[in-house]
Structures are given as C-alpha cells and as structure tokens.
PDB file of N, CA and C in Angstrom:
ATOM      1  N   MET A   1       3.817  15.489   2.094  1.00  0.00           N
ATOM      2  CA  MET A   1       4.555  13.980   3.265  1.00  0.00           C
ATOM      3  C   MET A   1       5.789  14.256   2.865  1.00  0.00           C
ATOM      4  N   LYS A   2       6.777  13.713   4.236  1.00  0.00           N
ATOM      5  CA  LYS A   2       8.242  13.300   4.333  1.00  0.00           C
ATOM      6  C   LYS A   2       8.593  11.957   3.721  1.00  0.00           C
ATOM      7  N   LEU A   3       9.958  12.734   3.653  1.00  0.00           N
ATOM      8  CA  LEU A   3      10.708  10.914   2.325  1.00  0.00           C
ATOM      9  C   LEU A   3      10.689   9.975   3.781  1.00  0.00           C
ATOM     10  N   GLY A   4      10.188   8.765   2.999  1.00  0.00           N
ATOM     11  CA  GLY A   4      10.290   7.796   4.027  1.00  0.00           C
ATOM     12  C   GLY A   4       9.302   6.718   3.283  1.00  0.00           C
ATOM     13  N   ASN A   5       8.601   5.476   4.256  1.00  0.00           N
ATOM     14  CA  ASN A   5       7.309   4.843   3.966  1.00  0.00           C
ATOM     15  C   ASN A   5       6.599   5.433   5.137  1.00  0.00           C
ATOM     16  N   LEU A   6       5.517   5.869   3.798  1.00  0.00           N
ATOM     17  CA  LEU A   6       4.224   5.645   5.140  1.00  0.00           C
ATOM     18  C   LEU A   6       2.886   4.365   4.693  1.00  0.00           C
ATOM     19  N   CYS A   7       2.833   3.663   5.929  1.00  0.00           N
ATOM     20  CA  CYS A   7       2.123   2.673   5.813  1.00  0.00           C
ATOM     21  C   CYS A   7       0.795   2.384   6.088  1.00  0.00           C
ATOM     22  N   ILE A   8      -0.034   1.957   5.444  1.00  0.00           N
ATOM     23  CA  ILE A   8      -1.604   2.108   5.463  1.00  0.00           C
ATOM     24  C   ILE A   8      -2.057   0.926   5.512  1.00  0.00           C
ATOM     25  N   ALA A   9      -2.759   0.327   6.512  1.00  0.00           N
ATOM     26  CA  ALA A   9      -3.668  -1.429   6.801  1.00  0.00           C
ATOM     27  C   ALA A   9      -4.890  -0.725   7.007  1.00  0.00           C
ATOM     28  N   GLY A  10      -5.404  -1.694   5.708  1.00  0.00           N
ATOM     29  CA  GLY A  10      -7.019  -1.637   5.942  1.00  0.00           C
ATOM     30  C   GLY A  10      -7.233  -2.768   6.311  1.00  0.00           C
ATOM     31  N   HIS A  11      -8.832  -2.790   6.577  1.00  0.00           N
ATOM     32  CA  HIS A  11      -9.360  -4.048   6.896  1.00  0.00           C
ATOM     33  C   HIS A  11      -9.937  -4.630   5.172  1.00  0.00           C
ATOM     34  N   ASN A  12      -9.967  -5.910   4.208  1.00  0.00           N
ATOM     35  CA  ASN A  12      -9.999  -6.632   3.114  1.00  0.00           C
ATOM     36  C   ASN A  12     -11.561  -7.186   3.635  1.00  0.00           C
ATOM     37  N   TYR A  13     -12.642  -6.285   3.388  1.00  0.00           N
ATOM     38  CA  TYR A  13     -14.048  -6.872   3.156  1.00  0.00           C
ATOM     39  C   TYR A  13     -14.330  -7.198   2.151  1.00  0.00           C
ATOM     40  N   VAL A  14     -15.249  -8.251   1.955  1.00  0.00           N
ATOM     41  CA  VAL A  14     -15.774  -8.716   0.362  1.00  0.00           C
ATOM     42  C   VAL A  14     -16.806  -8.162  -0.029  1.00  0.00           C
ATOM     43  N   ASP A  15     -16.725  -6.385   0.403  1.00  0.00           N
ATOM     44  CA  ASP A  15     -18.033  -5.893   0.051  1.00  0.00           C
ATOM     45  C   ASP A  15     -17.413  -4.632  -0.646  1.00  0.00           C
ATOM     46  N   ASN A  16     -16.603  -4.156  -1.470  1.00  0.00           N
ATOM     47  CA  ASN A  16     -15.862  -3.377  -1.895  1.00  0.00           C
ATOM     48  C   ASN A  16     -15.729  -2.352  -1.133  1.00  0.00           C
ATOM     49  N   LYS A  17     -15.858  -2.073   0.118  1.00  0.00           N
ATOM     50  CA  LYS A  17     -15.369  -1.350   1.221  1.00  0.00           C
ATOM     51  C   LYS A  17     -13.992  -1.248   1.095  1.00  0.00           C
ATOM     52  N   LEU A  18     -13.159  -0.266   1.468  1.00  0.00           N
ATOM     53  CA  LEU A  18     -11.474  -0.223   2.335  1.00  0.00           C
ATOM     54  C   LEU A  18     -10.909  -1.175   1.564  1.00  0.00           C
ATOM     55  N   PHE A  19     -10.175  -1.697   1.893  1.00  0.00           N
ATOM     56  CA  PHE A  19      -8.781  -2.301   1.016  1.00  0.00           C
ATOM     57  C   PHE A  19      -9.730  -3.638  -0.027  1.00  0.00           C
ATOM     58  N   SER A  20     -10.746  -3.676   0.130  1.00  0.00           N
ATOM     59  CA  SER A  20     -11.769  -5.148  -0.096  1.00  0.00           C
ATOM     60  C   SER A  20     -11.422  -4.945  -2.008  1.00  0.00           C
ATOM     61  N   ASN A  21     -10.619  -4.329  -2.638  1.00  0.00           N
ATOM     62  CA  ASN A  21     -10.365  -4.320  -3.896  1.00  0.00           C
ATOM     63  C   ASN A  21      -9.008  -4.175  -4.558  1.00  0.00           C
ATOM     64  N   ILE A  22      -8.226  -4.145  -3.153  1.00  0.00           N
ATOM     65  CA  ILE A  22      -6.658  -4.212  -3.361  1.00  0.00           C
ATOM     66  C   ILE A  22      -5.901  -4.984  -4.476  1.00  0.00           C
ATOM     67  N   ASN A  23      -6.879  -6.396  -4.096  1.00  0.00           N
ATOM     68  CA  ASN A  23      -5.999  -7.415  -5.647  1.00  0.00           C
ATOM     69  C   ASN A  23      -6.330  -6.842  -6.924  1.00  0.00           C
ATOM     70  N   LEU A  24      -7.027  -5.749  -6.845  1.00  0.00           N
ATOM     71  CA  LEU A  24      -7.169  -5.409  -8.465  1.00  0.00           C
ATOM     72  C   LEU A  24      -5.980  -4.420  -9.159  1.00  0.00           C
ATOM     73  N   LEU A  25      -5.133  -3.993  -8.077  1.00  0.00           N
ATOM     74  CA  LEU A  25      -4.286  -3.031  -8.690  1.00  0.00           C
ATOM     75  C   LEU A  25      -2.868  -3.888  -9.224  1.00  0.00           C
ATOM     76  N   THR A  26      -2.615  -3.360 -10.247  1.00  0.00           N
ATOM     77  CA  THR A  26      -1.295  -4.046 -10.934  1.00  0.00           C
ATOM     78  C   THR A  26       0.196  -3.128 -10.877  1.00  0.00           C
ATOM     79  N   ILE A  27       1.112  -3.274 -11.263  1.00  0.00           N
ATOM     80  CA  ILE A  27       2.387  -2.229 -11.768  1.00  0.00           C
ATOM     81  C   ILE A  27       2.115  -1.478 -12.414  1.00  0.00           C
ATOM     82  N   ASN A  28       2.424  -0.210 -11.820  1.00  0.00           N
ATOM     83  CA  ASN A  28       2.613   0.940 -12.953  1.00  0.00           C
ATOM     84  C   ASN A  28       0.819   1.390 -12.649  1.00  0.00           C
ATOM     85  N   ASP A  29       0.162   0.920 -11.828  1.00  0.00           N
ATOM     86  CA  ASP A  29      -0.887   1.512 -11.650  1.00  0.00           C
ATOM     87  C   ASP A  29      -0.989   2.863 -10.751  1.00  0.00           C
ATOM     88  N   ILE A  30      -1.721   4.201 -10.572  1.00  0.00           N
ATOM     89  CA  ILE A  30      -1.400   5.348  -9.600  1.00  0.00           C
ATOM     90  C   ILE A  30      -2.588   5.205  -8.385  1.00  0.00           C
ATOM     91  N   VAL A  31      -1.883   5.122  -7.200  1.00  0.00           N
ATOM     92  CA  VAL A  31      -2.528   5.380  -6.340  1.00  0.00           C
ATOM     93  C   VAL A  31      -2.824   7.007  -5.573  1.00  0.00           C
ATOM     94  N   LYS A  32      -4.086   7.377  -5.873  1.00  0.00           N
ATOM     95  CA  LYS A  32      -3.760   8.633  -4.813  1.00  0.00           C
ATOM     96  C   LYS A  32      -4.197   8.692  -3.811  1.00  0.00           C
ATOM     97  N   ILE A  33      -2.957   9.755  -2.799  1.00  0.00           N
ATOM     98  CA  ILE A  33      -3.527   9.945  -1.542  1.00  0.00           C
ATOM     99  C   ILE A  33      -3.924  11.596  -1.311  1.00  0.00           C
ATOM    100  N   TYR A  34      -5.198  11.687  -0.517  1.00  0.00           N
ATOM    101  CA  TYR A  34      -5.499  12.712  -0.271  1.00  0.00           C
ATOM    102  C   TYR A  34      -5.238  13.326   0.738  1.00  0.00           C
ATOM    103  N   ASP A  35      -4.733  14.480   1.356  1.00  0.00           N
ATOM    104  CA  ASP A  35      -4.785  15.190   2.520  1.00  0.00           C
ATOM    105  C   ASP A  35      -6.372  15.772   2.894  1.00  0.00           C
ATOM    106  N   LEU A  36      -6.418  15.959   4.344  1.00  0.00           N
ATOM    107  CA  LEU A  36      -7.427  17.104   4.985  1.00  0.00           C
ATOM    108  C   LEU A  36      -7.971  18.260   4.111  1.00  0.00           C
ATOM    109  N   LYS A  37      -6.986  18.754   3.293  1.00  0.00           N
ATOM    110  CA  LYS A  37      -7.690  19.942   2.594  1.00  0.00           C
ATOM    111  C   LYS A  37      -7.933  19.764   1.350  1.00  0.00           C
ATOM    112  N   GLY A  38      -7.920  18.389   0.693  1.00  0.00           N
ATOM    113  CA  GLY A  38      -8.201  17.950  -0.718  1.00  0.00           C
ATOM    114  C   GLY A  38      -7.068  17.847  -1.740  1.00  0.00           C
ATOM    115  N   ASN A  39      -5.366  17.779  -1.015  1.00  0.00           N
ATOM    116  CA  ASN A  39      -4.355  18.063  -2.237  1.00  0.00           C
ATOM    117  C   ASN A  39      -4.273  16.381  -2.642  1.00  0.00           C
ATOM    118  N   CYS A  40      -3.949  16.398  -3.507  1.00  0.00           N
ATOM    119  CA  CYS A  40      -3.618  14.816  -3.993  1.00  0.00           C
ATOM    120  C   CYS A  40      -1.949  14.643  -4.516  1.00  0.00           C
ATOM    121  N   LEU A  41      -1.563  13.527  -3.833  1.00  0.00           N
ATOM    122  CA  LEU A  41      -0.131  13.196  -4.056  1.00  0.00           C
ATOM    123  C   LEU A  41      -0.342  11.742  -4.689  1.00  0.00           C
ATOM    124  N   GLU A  42       0.140  11.422  -6.119  1.00  0.00           N
ATOM    125  CA  GLU A  42      -0.147  10.258  -7.042  1.00  0.00           C
ATOM    126  C   GLU A  42       1.179   9.372  -6.516  1.00  0.00           C
ATOM    127  N   TYR A  43       0.978   8.188  -6.120  1.00  0.00           N
ATOM    128  CA  TYR A  43       2.566   7.297  -6.396  1.00  0.00           C
ATOM    129  C   TYR A  43       1.675   6.391  -7.328  1.00  0.00           C
ATOM    130  N   VAL A  44       3.099   5.573  -7.572  1.00  0.00           N
ATOM    131  CA  VAL A  44       2.829   4.212  -8.934  1.00  0.00           C
ATOM    132  C   VAL A  44       3.854   2.980  -8.042  1.00  0.00           C
ATOM    133  N   VAL A  45       2.697   2.079  -8.373  1.00  0.00           N
ATOM    134  CA  VAL A  45       2.577   0.887  -7.961  1.00  0.00           C
ATOM    135  C   VAL A  45       4.097  -0.037  -8.812  1.00  0.00           C
ATOM    136  N   PHE A  46       5.162  -0.141  -7.653  1.00  0.00           N
ATOM    137  CA  PHE A  46       5.986  -0.698  -7.969  1.00  0.00           C
ATOM    138  C   PHE A  46       6.415  -2.289  -7.517  1.00  0.00           C
ATOM    139  N   ASP A  47       5.572  -2.546  -6.578  1.00  0.00           N
ATOM    140  CA  ASP A  47       5.997  -4.005  -6.182  1.00  0.00           C
ATOM    141  C   ASP A  47       4.427  -4.585  -5.315  1.00  0.00           C
ATOM    142  N   ILE A  48       3.811  -5.542  -5.633  1.00  0.00           N
ATOM    143  CA  ILE A  48       3.071  -6.256  -5.326  1.00  0.00           C
ATOM    144  C   ILE A  48       3.648  -7.611  -4.813  1.00  0.00           C
ATOM    145  N   GLN A  49       3.251  -7.960  -3.641  1.00  0.00           N
ATOM    146  CA  GLN A  49       3.592  -9.799  -3.006  1.00  0.00           C
ATOM    147  C   GLN A  49       2.543  -9.881  -1.771  1.00  0.00           C
ATOM    148  N   GLU A  50       2.445 -11.053  -1.670  1.00  0.00           N
ATOM    149  CA  GLU A  50       1.835 -11.531  -0.245  1.00  0.00           C
ATOM    150  C   GLU A  50       2.984 -12.271   0.908  1.00  0.00           C
ATOM    151  N   VAL A  51       2.792 -12.230   1.837  1.00  0.00           N
ATOM    152  CA  VAL A  51       3.526 -12.344   2.519  1.00  0.00           C
ATOM    153  C   VAL A  51       2.807 -12.907   4.185  1.00  0.00           C
ATOM    154  N   PRO A  52       3.707 -13.797   4.848  1.00  0.00           N
ATOM    155  CA  PRO A  52       2.902 -14.472   6.451  1.00  0.00           C
ATOM    156  C   PRO A  52       2.680 -13.085   7.032  1.00  0.00           C
ATOM    157  N   ALA A  53       1.678 -13.154   7.945  1.00  0.00           N
ATOM    158  CA  ALA A  53       1.394 -12.040   8.697  1.00  0.00           C
ATOM    159  C   ALA A  53       2.507 -12.041   9.626  1.00  0.00           C
ATOM    160  N   THR A  54       3.804 -12.566  10.094  1.00  0.00           N
ATOM    161  CA  THR A  54       4.803 -12.372  10.425  1.00  0.00           C
ATOM    162  C   THR A  54       5.510 -11.373  10.327  1.00  0.00           C
ATOM    163  N   ASP A  55       5.565 -11.594   8.662  1.00  0.00           N
ATOM    164  CA  ASP A  55       6.782 -10.421   8.211  1.00  0.00           C
ATOM    165  C   ASP A  55       6.485  -9.097   7.861  1.00  0.00           C
ATOM    166  N   THR A  56       6.663  -8.369   8.829  1.00  0.00           N
ATOM    167  CA  THR A  56       6.855  -6.856   8.699  1.00  0.00           C
ATOM    168  C   THR A  56       7.918  -6.070   8.037  1.00  0.00           C
ATOM    169  N   SER A  57       8.208  -6.546   7.634  1.00  0.00           N
ATOM    170  CA  SER A  57       9.690  -6.110   6.943  1.00  0.00           C
ATOM    171  C   SER A  57       9.071  -4.640   6.152  1.00  0.00           C
ATOM    172  N   CYS A  58       7.799  -5.212   5.142  1.00  0.00           N
ATOM    173  CA  CYS A  58       7.420  -3.851   4.494  1.00  0.00           C
ATOM    174  C   CYS A  58       7.207  -2.522   5.016  1.00  0.00           C
ATOM    175  N   THR A  59       7.163  -2.824   6.250  1.00  0.00           N
ATOM    176  CA  THR A  59       6.904  -1.293   7.085  1.00  0.00           C
ATOM    177  C   THR A  59       8.541  -0.950   8.041  1.00  0.00           C
ATOM    178  N   MET A  60       9.575  -1.286   7.082  1.00  0.00           N
ATOM    179  CA  MET A  60      10.860  -0.698   7.418  1.00  0.00           C
ATOM    180  C   MET A  60      10.790   0.494   6.515  1.00  0.00           C
ATOM    181  N   GLN A  61      11.494   1.814   6.631  1.00  0.00           N
ATOM    182  CA  GLN A  61      11.537   2.657   6.520  1.00  0.00           C
ATOM    183  C   GLN A  61      12.922   2.788   5.156  1.00  0.00           C
ATOM    184  N   ASN A  62      12.591   3.682   4.460  1.00  0.00           N
ATOM    185  CA  ASN A  62      13.684   4.106   3.174  1.00  0.00           C
ATOM    186  C   ASN A  62      14.567   5.043   3.531  1.00  0.00           C
ATOM    187  N   ASN A  63      15.897   5.144   3.338  1.00  0.00           N
ATOM    188  CA  ASN A  63      16.780   6.396   3.083  1.00  0.00           C
ATOM    189  C   ASN A  63      17.151   6.943   2.118  1.00  0.00           C
ATOM    190  N   ASP A  64      16.199   6.602   0.753  1.00  0.00           N
ATOM    191  CA  ASP A  64      17.252   6.573  -0.417  1.00  0.00           C
ATOM    192  C   ASP A  64      16.499   8.198  -0.762  1.00  0.00           C
ATOM    193  N   ASN A  65      16.178   9.159  -0.355  1.00  0.00           N
ATOM    194  CA  ASN A  65      15.193  10.105  -0.256  1.00  0.00           C
ATOM    195  C   ASN A  65      13.725   9.884  -1.842  1.00  0.00           C
ATOM    196  N   VAL A  66      12.669   9.237  -0.927  1.00  0.00           N
ATOM    197  CA  VAL A  66      12.296   8.914  -1.906  1.00  0.00           C
ATOM    198  C   VAL A  66      10.885   8.662  -1.116  1.00  0.00           C
ATOM    199  N   LYS A  67      10.122   9.006  -1.372  1.00  0.00           N
ATOM    200  CA  LYS A  67       8.474   9.152  -0.417  1.00  0.00           C
ATOM    201  C   LYS A  67       7.626   7.667  -1.334  1.00  0.00           C
ATOM    202  N   TYR A  68       7.263   6.604  -0.253  1.00  0.00           N
ATOM    203  CA  TYR A  68       6.832   5.275  -0.120  1.00  0.00           C
ATOM    204  C   TYR A  68       5.101   5.283   0.554  1.00  0.00           C
ATOM    205  N   VAL A  69       4.946   4.979   0.074  1.00  0.00           N
ATOM    206  CA  VAL A  69       3.240   4.344   0.708  1.00  0.00           C
ATOM    207  C   VAL A  69       3.306   2.927   0.366  1.00  0.00           C
ATOM    208  N   THR A  70       3.379   2.000   1.555  1.00  0.00           N
ATOM    209  CA  THR A  70       2.718   0.972   1.374  1.00  0.00           C
ATOM    210  C   THR A  70       1.429   0.515   1.820  1.00  0.00           C
ATOM    211  N   LEU A  71       0.613  -0.342   0.916  1.00  0.00           N
ATOM    212  CA  LEU A  71      -0.677  -0.521   1.217  1.00  0.00           C
ATOM    213  C   LEU A  71      -0.519  -2.071   2.030  1.00  0.00           C
ATOM    214  N   ILE A  72      -1.339  -1.982   2.778  1.00  0.00           N
ATOM    215  CA  ILE A  72      -1.033  -3.455   3.713  1.00  0.00           C
ATOM    216  C   ILE A  72      -2.520  -4.033   3.868  1.00  0.00           C
ATOM    217  N   THR A  73      -2.945  -5.373   3.600  1.00  0.00           N
ATOM    218  CA  THR A  73      -4.198  -5.903   4.017  1.00  0.00           C
ATOM    219  C   THR A  73      -4.210  -7.595   4.237  1.00  0.00           C
ATOM    220  N   CYS A  74      -5.401  -7.976   4.602  1.00  0.00           N
ATOM    221  CA  CYS A  74      -5.405  -9.135   4.568  1.00  0.00           C
ATOM    222  C   CYS A  74      -5.727 -10.449   3.315  1.00  0.00           C
ATOM    223  N   ASN A  75      -5.177 -11.424   3.062  1.00  0.00           N
ATOM    224  CA  ASN A  75      -6.070 -11.928   2.002  1.00  0.00           C
ATOM    225  C   ASN A  75      -6.958 -12.812   3.030  1.00  0.00           C
ATOM    226  N   ASN A  76      -8.005 -12.944   2.338  1.00  0.00           N
ATOM    227  CA  ASN A  76      -9.189 -13.540   3.148  1.00  0.00           C
ATOM    228  C   ASN A  76      -9.347 -14.994   2.678  1.00  0.00           C
ATOM    229  N   VAL A  77      -8.520 -15.634   1.373  1.00  0.00           N
ATOM    230  CA  VAL A  77      -8.098 -17.172   1.244  1.00  0.00           C
ATOM    231  C   VAL A  77      -7.323 -17.857   1.705  1.00  0.00           C
ATOM    232  N   ASN A  78      -6.013 -17.035   1.834  1.00  0.00           N
ATOM    233  CA  ASN A  78      -5.211 -18.211   1.915  1.00  0.00           C
ATOM    234  C   ASN A  78      -4.287 -17.483   3.312  1.00  0.00           C
ATOM    235  N   GLY A  79      -4.598 -16.569   4.147  1.00  0.00           N
ATOM    236  CA  GLY A  79      -4.038 -16.316   5.859  1.00  0.00           C
ATOM    237  C   GLY A  79      -2.967 -14.999   5.283  1.00  0.00           C
ATOM    238  N   LEU A  80      -2.907 -14.951   3.893  1.00  0.00           N
ATOM    239  CA  LEU A  80      -1.132 -14.168   4.065  1.00  0.00           C
ATOM    240  C   LEU A  80      -1.899 -13.018   3.694  1.00  0.00           C
ATOM    241  N   ARG A  81      -0.792 -12.152   3.814  1.00  0.00           N
ATOM    242  CA  ARG A  81      -0.646 -10.335   4.063  1.00  0.00           C
ATOM    243  C   ARG A  81      -0.506  -9.912   2.536  1.00  0.00           C
ATOM    244  N   HIS A  82      -1.502  -8.994   2.186  1.00  0.00           N
ATOM    245  CA  HIS A  82      -1.057  -8.337   0.925  1.00  0.00           C
ATOM    246  C   HIS A  82      -0.488  -7.062   0.598  1.00  0.00           C
ATOM    247  N   ILE A  83       0.775  -7.215   0.000  1.00  0.00           N
ATOM    248  CA  ILE A  83       1.083  -5.581   0.127  1.00  0.00           C
ATOM    249  C   ILE A  83       1.856  -4.947  -0.996  1.00  0.00           C
ATOM    250  N   VAL A  84       1.252  -4.144  -1.058  1.00  0.00           N
ATOM    251  CA  VAL A  84       1.394  -3.185  -2.080  1.00  0.00           C
ATOM    252  C   VAL A  84       2.054  -1.710  -2.315  1.00  0.00           C
ATOM    253  N   LYS A  85       3.250  -1.858  -2.781  1.00  0.00           N
ATOM    254  CA  LYS A  85       4.371  -0.862  -2.334  1.00  0.00           C
ATOM    255  C   LYS A  85       4.154   0.158  -3.695  1.00  0.00           C
ATOM    256  N   CYS A  86       4.161   0.961  -3.636  1.00  0.00           N
ATOM    257  CA  CYS A  86       4.255   2.729  -4.535  1.00  0.00           C
ATOM    258  C   CYS A  86       5.130   3.555  -4.108  1.00  0.00           C
ATOM    259  N   LYS A  87       5.946   4.358  -5.378  1.00  0.00           N
ATOM    260  CA  LYS A  87       6.554   5.477  -4.963  1.00  0.00           C
ATOM    261  C   LYS A  87       6.127   6.367  -5.805  1.00  0.00           C
ATOM    262  N   ASN A  88       6.539   7.685  -5.036  1.00  0.00           N
ATOM    263  CA  ASN A  88       5.935   9.141  -5.506  1.00  0.00           C
ATOM    264  C   ASN A  88       6.082   8.871  -7.280  1.00  0.00           C
ATOM    265  N   SER A  89       5.414   9.514  -7.569  1.00  0.00           N
ATOM    266  CA  SER A  89       5.606   9.199  -9.473  1.00  0.00           C
ATOM    267  C   SER A  89       6.155  10.944  -9.507  1.00  0.00           C
TER     268      SER A  89
END
C-alpha cells in the first residue's frame, strides 16, 4: 500500500457481519488488512471517534510519510458516524 489514508466504509448491521463489531475496537488494537494474494499488513488503532454524518474530514490525505487506514461506519443508535483511525505498525 502506498503512503496516505486508505478509507474503508462498511455497513454496520447488528448481525456480526461487516462492520457491526467495530465498536469493540480499542486504542492499540491491531487491524489486519489482506490483499488478494493473502499478504497481510497490520495497523494499530490510534484514534476512535464519532462525528456527524456530514463530517468527511477523516477521509483527508496525510502527507507525513505514514500509511493510514480509516474505518468508517454508522452508529445505529445515535445517527453519528463511527470512525476508527489506524496507522502502519
């Protein structure tokens, strides 16, 4: 993966599929991203927040020579977006 911010948005169903368990992630957890060949890159969670649906600032690209992954989904309870930011470990 190139340097920058890879944003992945997924549905937050209440059936343990897709991003339904994203709220269980905590700071310093490891998020693993696999490519089509089975190669794995690990990222460490460093920020968790909820923002209004209109706030797209989490999708901004960073130019600080770091690989980021940002996970985005809805909070089915309060209508906000759940954002989990990770950086290459």
